[in-house]
Every structure is written in structure tokens, then in C-alpha cells.
Amino acid sequence: MKHFIQQVFQEVLENPVFDEVLIEKYFSKQYIQFVDHAQLNYEEFVLHIKKLKEKIAEQKMEIITYAENGNIIFTNHIAKSTLKDGSKVVHKVLAEFTIQNHQIIRCDEMTLLVEGDETEKNLGSER
């Protein structure tokens, strides 16, 4: 499942283009995300990804550690983002993904801004 999550990171998050077809490929329409005191349903998550593409010029994800348990994969990863204004931000992310029928149906995530402007601390849930 690590390979699956790496594909999601590469095709949906690192890809500079907003592509709803790729989101539909990897995320269930019943998708729910809990992130930093916010809850996003599928439609809100799509808006979140769209907002990220409007704001971020380049994003790289690096999985530090991961663990699998049945249909759940947990990652400790770093998200390095270069915003379109040229500034850089780095977030540490702890995420638990639940996979069902080859799609992510749930994500329980905590993000921590470790580098960059404090105004970007909620980048993980912005929409």
C-alpha cells in the first residue's frame, strides 16, 4: 500500500495541475478527511486540492516512515511546498489512510508547520 500512497502523492499532490479525474481515481465519493480541527467531505476535499493548485507552484512529498494494518496505512511524511509568491513552507504530516475498493475512503491527519510563514500553518485544510 505504500506504493499506492506514493502514487496518490505524486499524481494528485505533487502534480501542479488540478485534475479532478485523478482525484476521482484515488478518492471515494464517500471520502471524509479529518485534519487539524476541520472535517472535509469529498466535495470540500476537491475544493481544497483546487485551492492548493492555485497557491502552490511546486510540492514534494517525502515519506519518512509508514505502517500498514489490513486496509489502513499510516504515514509520517514531510510536505515541502514552494508557493507561487516564491516563499517556501514545510509541514510534517501524520496521516492514517483507510483504503476500500482501491480508493481512499478516510484520512485522519495532523499537520504541523515546521518551516515558513505562520500564515501557512493551515495549508493542510485550506479551501
N, C-alpha and C. Protein backbone atom coordinates (compact mmCIF):
# COMPACT_ATOMS: atom_id res chain seq x y z
N MET A 1 0.82 -1.21 0.00
CA MET A 1 0.00 0.00 0.00
C MET A 1 0.86 1.27 0.00
N LYS A 2 2.12 1.13 0.42
CA LYS A 2 3.00 2.30 0.38
C LYS A 2 3.09 2.83 -1.05
N HIS A 3 3.21 1.92 -2.00
CA HIS A 3 3.30 2.32 -3.41
C HIS A 3 2.03 3.07 -3.84
N PHE A 4 0.88 2.60 -3.38
CA PHE A 4 -0.39 3.25 -3.70
C PHE A 4 -0.40 4.70 -3.18
N ILE A 5 0.01 4.89 -1.92
CA ILE A 5 0.04 6.24 -1.34
C ILE A 5 1.06 7.11 -2.06
N GLN A 6 2.19 6.53 -2.43
CA GLN A 6 3.20 7.30 -3.19
C GLN A 6 2.62 7.76 -4.53
N GLN A 7 1.82 6.90 -5.17
CA GLN A 7 1.16 7.28 -6.43
C GLN A 7 0.19 8.43 -6.20
N VAL A 8 -0.59 8.35 -5.14
CA VAL A 8 -1.54 9.42 -4.81
C VAL A 8 -0.78 10.73 -4.61
N PHE A 9 0.29 10.67 -3.82
CA PHE A 9 1.09 11.87 -3.58
C PHE A 9 1.61 12.44 -4.90
N GLN A 10 2.16 11.57 -5.74
CA GLN A 10 2.75 12.03 -7.00
C GLN A 10 1.70 12.57 -7.97
N GLU A 11 0.63 11.82 -8.18
CA GLU A 11 -0.33 12.18 -9.22
C GLU A 11 -1.33 13.26 -8.80
N VAL A 12 -1.65 13.34 -7.52
CA VAL A 12 -2.64 14.31 -7.06
C VAL A 12 -1.98 15.53 -6.40
N LEU A 13 -1.04 15.31 -5.48
CA LEU A 13 -0.47 16.42 -4.73
C LEU A 13 0.74 17.06 -5.40
N GLU A 14 1.69 16.25 -5.87
CA GLU A 14 2.88 16.83 -6.49
C GLU A 14 2.61 17.34 -7.90
N ASN A 15 1.60 16.82 -8.54
CA ASN A 15 1.21 17.28 -9.87
C ASN A 15 0.75 18.74 -9.78
N PRO A 16 1.38 19.64 -10.53
CA PRO A 16 0.99 21.06 -10.43
C PRO A 16 -0.36 21.38 -11.05
N VAL A 17 -0.93 20.43 -11.78
CA VAL A 17 -2.20 20.65 -12.48
C VAL A 17 -3.36 20.09 -11.65
N PHE A 18 -4.43 20.86 -11.53
CA PHE A 18 -5.64 20.38 -10.88
C PHE A 18 -6.34 19.44 -11.85
N ASP A 19 -6.50 18.18 -11.47
CA ASP A 19 -7.11 17.17 -12.33
C ASP A 19 -8.11 16.37 -11.52
N GLU A 20 -9.37 16.73 -11.66
CA GLU A 20 -10.41 16.07 -10.87
C GLU A 20 -10.55 14.59 -11.22
N VAL A 21 -10.19 14.21 -12.43
CA VAL A 21 -10.25 12.80 -12.84
C VAL A 21 -9.29 11.97 -11.97
N LEU A 22 -8.11 12.52 -11.69
CA LEU A 22 -7.16 11.82 -10.82
C LEU A 22 -7.66 11.74 -9.39
N ILE A 23 -8.32 12.79 -8.93
CA ILE A 23 -8.90 12.75 -7.58
C ILE A 23 -9.95 11.64 -7.53
N GLU A 24 -10.81 11.57 -8.54
CA GLU A 24 -11.85 10.53 -8.59
C GLU A 24 -11.26 9.13 -8.67
N LYS A 25 -10.10 9.01 -9.28
CA LYS A 25 -9.43 7.71 -9.40
C LYS A 25 -9.01 7.18 -8.02
N TYR A 26 -8.50 8.06 -7.18
CA TYR A 26 -7.91 7.64 -5.92
C TYR A 26 -8.78 7.84 -4.68
N PHE A 27 -9.81 8.70 -4.77
CA PHE A 27 -10.61 9.02 -3.60
C PHE A 27 -12.07 8.68 -3.82
N SER A 28 -12.65 7.98 -2.87
CA SER A 28 -14.05 7.60 -2.91
C SER A 28 -14.94 8.84 -2.80
N LYS A 29 -16.10 8.78 -3.42
CA LYS A 29 -17.09 9.87 -3.29
C LYS A 29 -17.59 9.98 -1.85
N GLN A 30 -17.39 8.91 -1.05
CA GLN A 30 -17.76 8.93 0.37
C GLN A 30 -16.60 9.37 1.25
N TYR A 31 -15.55 9.87 0.66
CA TYR A 31 -14.34 10.27 1.37
C TYR A 31 -14.63 11.30 2.45
N ILE A 32 -14.00 11.09 3.61
CA ILE A 32 -14.06 12.03 4.73
C ILE A 32 -12.62 12.24 5.20
N GLN A 33 -12.27 13.49 5.43
CA GLN A 33 -10.93 13.80 5.95
C GLN A 33 -11.08 14.63 7.21
N PHE A 34 -10.39 14.19 8.25
CA PHE A 34 -10.30 14.95 9.49
C PHE A 34 -8.88 15.51 9.53
N VAL A 35 -8.75 16.83 9.54
CA VAL A 35 -7.42 17.44 9.52
C VAL A 35 -7.42 18.70 10.37
N ASP A 36 -6.57 18.69 11.39
CA ASP A 36 -6.36 19.88 12.22
C ASP A 36 -7.66 20.60 12.60
N HIS A 37 -8.53 19.93 13.29
CA HIS A 37 -9.79 20.51 13.78
C HIS A 37 -10.81 20.80 12.67
N ALA A 38 -10.58 20.30 11.47
CA ALA A 38 -11.53 20.51 10.37
C ALA A 38 -11.95 19.15 9.82
N GLN A 39 -13.14 19.10 9.27
CA GLN A 39 -13.62 17.89 8.61
C GLN A 39 -14.02 18.27 7.19
N LEU A 40 -13.50 17.52 6.23
CA LEU A 40 -13.81 17.76 4.83
C LEU A 40 -14.50 16.54 4.24
N ASN A 41 -15.59 16.76 3.52
CA ASN A 41 -16.19 15.67 2.76
C ASN A 41 -15.53 15.65 1.37
N TYR A 42 -15.96 14.79 0.49
CA TYR A 42 -15.34 14.66 -0.82
C TYR A 42 -15.34 15.98 -1.59
N GLU A 43 -16.48 16.64 -1.66
CA GLU A 43 -16.59 17.90 -2.42
C GLU A 43 -15.68 18.98 -1.83
N GLU A 44 -15.63 19.05 -0.50
CA GLU A 44 -14.76 20.03 0.16
C GLU A 44 -13.29 19.70 -0.06
N PHE A 45 -12.98 18.40 -0.10
CA PHE A 45 -11.61 17.98 -0.37
C PHE A 45 -11.18 18.38 -1.79
N VAL A 46 -12.08 18.22 -2.76
CA VAL A 46 -11.79 18.63 -4.13
C VAL A 46 -11.50 20.13 -4.16
N LEU A 47 -12.30 20.92 -3.45
CA LEU A 47 -12.06 22.37 -3.37
C LEU A 47 -10.72 22.67 -2.70
N HIS A 48 -10.37 21.89 -1.70
CA HIS A 48 -9.09 22.04 -1.02
C HIS A 48 -7.93 21.81 -2.00
N ILE A 49 -8.01 20.75 -2.78
CA ILE A 49 -6.95 20.45 -3.76
C ILE A 49 -6.88 21.57 -4.80
N LYS A 50 -8.03 22.05 -5.25
CA LYS A 50 -8.06 23.15 -6.22
C LYS A 50 -7.38 24.38 -5.64
N LYS A 51 -7.66 24.70 -4.38
CA LYS A 51 -7.06 25.85 -3.71
C LYS A 51 -5.54 25.69 -3.62
N LEU A 52 -5.09 24.47 -3.31
CA LEU A 52 -3.65 24.21 -3.24
C LEU A 52 -2.99 24.47 -4.59
N LYS A 53 -3.62 24.03 -5.66
CA LYS A 53 -3.05 24.23 -7.01
C LYS A 53 -2.99 25.70 -7.38
N GLU A 54 -3.93 26.50 -6.88
CA GLU A 54 -3.92 27.94 -7.14
C GLU A 54 -2.80 28.63 -6.36
N LYS A 55 -2.42 28.06 -5.23
CA LYS A 55 -1.49 28.70 -4.31
C LYS A 55 -0.05 28.19 -4.40
N ILE A 56 0.10 26.91 -4.76
CA ILE A 56 1.41 26.26 -4.72
C ILE A 56 1.97 26.07 -6.13
N ALA A 57 3.23 26.48 -6.30
CA ALA A 57 3.91 26.29 -7.58
C ALA A 57 4.50 24.89 -7.68
N GLU A 58 5.03 24.39 -6.57
CA GLU A 58 5.66 23.06 -6.57
C GLU A 58 5.52 22.46 -5.19
N GLN A 59 5.23 21.15 -5.17
CA GLN A 59 5.11 20.44 -3.89
C GLN A 59 5.78 19.09 -4.01
N LYS A 60 6.55 18.73 -2.98
CA LYS A 60 7.21 17.43 -2.92
C LYS A 60 6.84 16.77 -1.60
N MET A 61 6.50 15.49 -1.69
CA MET A 61 6.14 14.72 -0.51
C MET A 61 7.23 13.66 -0.28
N GLU A 62 7.64 13.53 0.99
CA GLU A 62 8.65 12.53 1.33
C GLU A 62 8.14 11.71 2.51
N ILE A 63 7.94 10.42 2.27
CA ILE A 63 7.52 9.53 3.36
C ILE A 63 8.74 9.19 4.21
N ILE A 64 8.64 9.53 5.50
CA ILE A 64 9.72 9.24 6.44
C ILE A 64 9.56 7.81 6.97
N THR A 65 8.35 7.52 7.49
CA THR A 65 8.03 6.17 7.95
C THR A 65 6.58 5.87 7.60
N TYR A 66 6.27 4.59 7.57
CA TYR A 66 4.89 4.18 7.32
C TYR A 66 4.65 2.85 8.02
N ALA A 67 3.38 2.56 8.24
CA ALA A 67 2.98 1.29 8.83
C ALA A 67 1.67 0.87 8.18
N GLU A 68 1.51 -0.42 7.98
CA GLU A 68 0.29 -0.96 7.38
C GLU A 68 -0.39 -1.90 8.36
N ASN A 69 -1.72 -1.87 8.34
CA ASN A 69 -2.52 -2.79 9.15
C ASN A 69 -3.80 -3.06 8.38
N GLY A 70 -3.85 -4.18 7.68
CA GLY A 70 -5.02 -4.50 6.88
C GLY A 70 -5.21 -3.47 5.78
N ASN A 71 -6.35 -2.79 5.78
CA ASN A 71 -6.64 -1.79 4.75
C ASN A 71 -6.29 -0.37 5.19
N ILE A 72 -5.47 -0.26 6.23
CA ILE A 72 -5.06 1.05 6.75
C ILE A 72 -3.56 1.23 6.55
N ILE A 73 -3.17 2.40 6.07
CA ILE A 73 -1.75 2.76 6.01
C ILE A 73 -1.57 4.08 6.74
N PHE A 74 -0.57 4.10 7.59
CA PHE A 74 -0.21 5.30 8.35
C PHE A 74 1.10 5.83 7.80
N THR A 75 1.17 7.13 7.57
CA THR A 75 2.43 7.73 7.11
C THR A 75 2.83 8.88 8.02
N ASN A 76 4.12 8.99 8.20
CA ASN A 76 4.75 10.16 8.78
C ASN A 76 5.51 10.75 7.60
N HIS A 77 5.03 11.87 7.06
CA HIS A 77 5.68 12.41 5.87
C HIS A 77 5.89 13.91 5.95
N ILE A 78 6.75 14.38 5.09
CA ILE A 78 7.09 15.80 5.01
C ILE A 78 6.54 16.34 3.69
N ALA A 79 5.84 17.46 3.76
CA ALA A 79 5.34 18.14 2.57
C ALA A 79 6.13 19.44 2.42
N LYS A 80 6.93 19.52 1.35
CA LYS A 80 7.71 20.72 1.07
C LYS A 80 7.03 21.45 -0.08
N SER A 81 6.63 22.70 0.17
CA SER A 81 5.88 23.46 -0.83
C SER A 81 6.58 24.77 -1.15
N THR A 82 6.62 25.09 -2.44
CA THR A 82 7.05 26.41 -2.89
C THR A 82 5.79 27.10 -3.38
N LEU A 83 5.43 28.19 -2.72
CA LEU A 83 4.23 28.92 -3.09
C LEU A 83 4.50 29.76 -4.33
N LYS A 84 3.43 30.16 -4.99
CA LYS A 84 3.58 30.93 -6.23
C LYS A 84 4.23 32.29 -5.99
N ASP A 85 4.23 32.77 -4.74
CA ASP A 85 4.92 34.03 -4.44
C ASP A 85 6.41 33.81 -4.18
N GLY A 86 6.86 32.56 -4.30
CA GLY A 86 8.28 32.23 -4.13
C GLY A 86 8.65 31.77 -2.73
N SER A 87 7.77 31.98 -1.76
CA SER A 87 8.09 31.55 -0.39
C SER A 87 7.98 30.03 -0.27
N LYS A 88 8.66 29.50 0.73
CA LYS A 88 8.68 28.06 0.94
C LYS A 88 8.11 27.72 2.31
N VAL A 89 7.39 26.61 2.36
CA VAL A 89 6.86 26.12 3.63
C VAL A 89 7.09 24.62 3.70
N VAL A 90 7.28 24.14 4.92
CA VAL A 90 7.47 22.71 5.16
C VAL A 90 6.52 22.30 6.27
N HIS A 91 5.77 21.24 6.01
CA HIS A 91 4.85 20.69 7.02
C HIS A 91 5.25 19.24 7.32
N LYS A 92 5.16 18.89 8.58
CA LYS A 92 5.26 17.49 8.99
C LYS A 92 3.83 16.99 9.06
N VAL A 93 3.56 15.84 8.48
CA VAL A 93 2.19 15.32 8.42
C VAL A 93 2.15 13.89 8.95
N LEU A 94 1.24 13.65 9.87
CA LEU A 94 0.92 12.31 10.35
C LEU A 94 -0.46 11.98 9.81
N ALA A 95 -0.55 10.93 9.01
CA ALA A 95 -1.83 10.63 8.35
C ALA A 95 -2.14 9.14 8.39
N GLU A 96 -3.40 8.86 8.69
CA GLU A 96 -3.89 7.48 8.67
C GLU A 96 -4.93 7.39 7.56
N PHE A 97 -4.60 6.62 6.52
CA PHE A 97 -5.48 6.46 5.37
C PHE A 97 -6.19 5.11 5.44
N THR A 98 -7.50 5.13 5.20
CA THR A 98 -8.27 3.89 5.11
C THR A 98 -8.60 3.67 3.64
N ILE A 99 -8.24 2.49 3.12
CA ILE A 99 -8.43 2.14 1.72
C ILE A 99 -9.58 1.15 1.60
N GLN A 100 -10.46 1.41 0.65
CA GLN A 100 -11.57 0.50 0.39
C GLN A 100 -11.82 0.47 -1.12
N ASN A 101 -11.85 -0.72 -1.71
CA ASN A 101 -12.06 -0.87 -3.15
C ASN A 101 -11.07 -0.03 -3.97
N HIS A 102 -9.80 -0.07 -3.56
CA HIS A 102 -8.71 0.62 -4.27
C HIS A 102 -8.86 2.13 -4.28
N GLN A 103 -9.57 2.68 -3.30
CA GLN A 103 -9.71 4.13 -3.16
C GLN A 103 -9.58 4.49 -1.68
N ILE A 104 -9.15 5.73 -1.45
CA ILE A 104 -9.08 6.23 -0.07
C ILE A 104 -10.49 6.68 0.32
N ILE A 105 -10.98 6.13 1.43
CA ILE A 105 -12.32 6.48 1.88
C ILE A 105 -12.27 7.40 3.10
N ARG A 106 -11.11 7.41 3.79
CA ARG A 106 -10.99 8.22 5.01
C ARG A 106 -9.52 8.57 5.23
N CYS A 107 -9.32 9.77 5.77
CA CYS A 107 -7.98 10.18 6.18
C CYS A 107 -8.11 10.95 7.49
N ASP A 108 -7.33 10.54 8.46
CA ASP A 108 -7.27 11.23 9.75
C ASP A 108 -5.85 11.79 9.82
N GLU A 109 -5.73 13.12 9.80
CA GLU A 109 -4.43 13.75 9.57
C GLU A 109 -4.17 14.89 10.54
N MET A 110 -2.90 15.03 10.92
CA MET A 110 -2.44 16.18 11.69
C MET A 110 -1.26 16.79 10.94
N THR A 111 -1.29 18.10 10.75
CA THR A 111 -0.18 18.77 10.08
C THR A 111 0.45 19.76 11.05
N LEU A 112 1.75 19.91 10.93
CA LEU A 112 2.50 20.84 11.77
C LEU A 112 3.43 21.63 10.88
N LEU A 113 3.29 22.93 10.90
CA LEU A 113 4.20 23.81 10.16
C LEU A 113 5.55 23.78 10.85
N VAL A 114 6.60 23.35 10.14
CA VAL A 114 7.93 23.29 10.74
C VAL A 114 8.87 24.34 10.14
N GLU A 115 8.48 24.90 9.01
CA GLU A 115 9.30 25.93 8.38
C GLU A 115 8.41 26.80 7.50
N GLY A 116 8.59 28.11 7.59
CA GLY A 116 7.82 29.01 6.75
C GLY A 116 6.93 29.94 7.55
N ASP A 117 6.20 30.77 6.82
CA ASP A 117 5.35 31.79 7.42
C ASP A 117 4.19 31.17 8.18
N GLU A 118 3.96 31.67 9.38
CA GLU A 118 2.90 31.17 10.27
C GLU A 118 1.51 31.22 9.61
N THR A 119 1.32 32.13 8.64
CA THR A 119 0.02 32.23 7.98
C THR A 119 -0.30 30.98 7.15
N GLU A 120 0.70 30.14 6.91
CA GLU A 120 0.51 28.92 6.11
C GLU A 120 0.33 27.67 6.98
N LYS A 121 0.13 27.85 8.29
CA LYS A 121 0.04 26.68 9.16
C LYS A 121 -1.18 25.81 8.85
N ASN A 122 -2.24 26.38 8.29
CA ASN A 122 -3.44 25.60 7.97
C ASN A 122 -3.53 25.19 6.50
N LEU A 123 -2.39 25.13 5.83
CA LEU A 123 -2.37 24.76 4.42
C LEU A 123 -2.99 23.37 4.20
N GLY A 124 -2.89 22.50 5.19
CA GLY A 124 -3.43 21.15 5.08
C GLY A 124 -4.94 21.06 5.06
N SER A 125 -5.61 22.15 5.44
CA SER A 125 -7.08 22.11 5.45
C SER A 125 -7.71 23.30 4.73
N GLU A 126 -6.88 24.15 4.16
CA GLU A 126 -7.39 25.35 3.48
C GLU A 126 -8.25 25.00 2.28
N ARG A 127 -9.33 25.79 2.11
CA ARG A 127 -10.19 25.57 0.94
C ARG A 127 -10.83 26.86 0.52
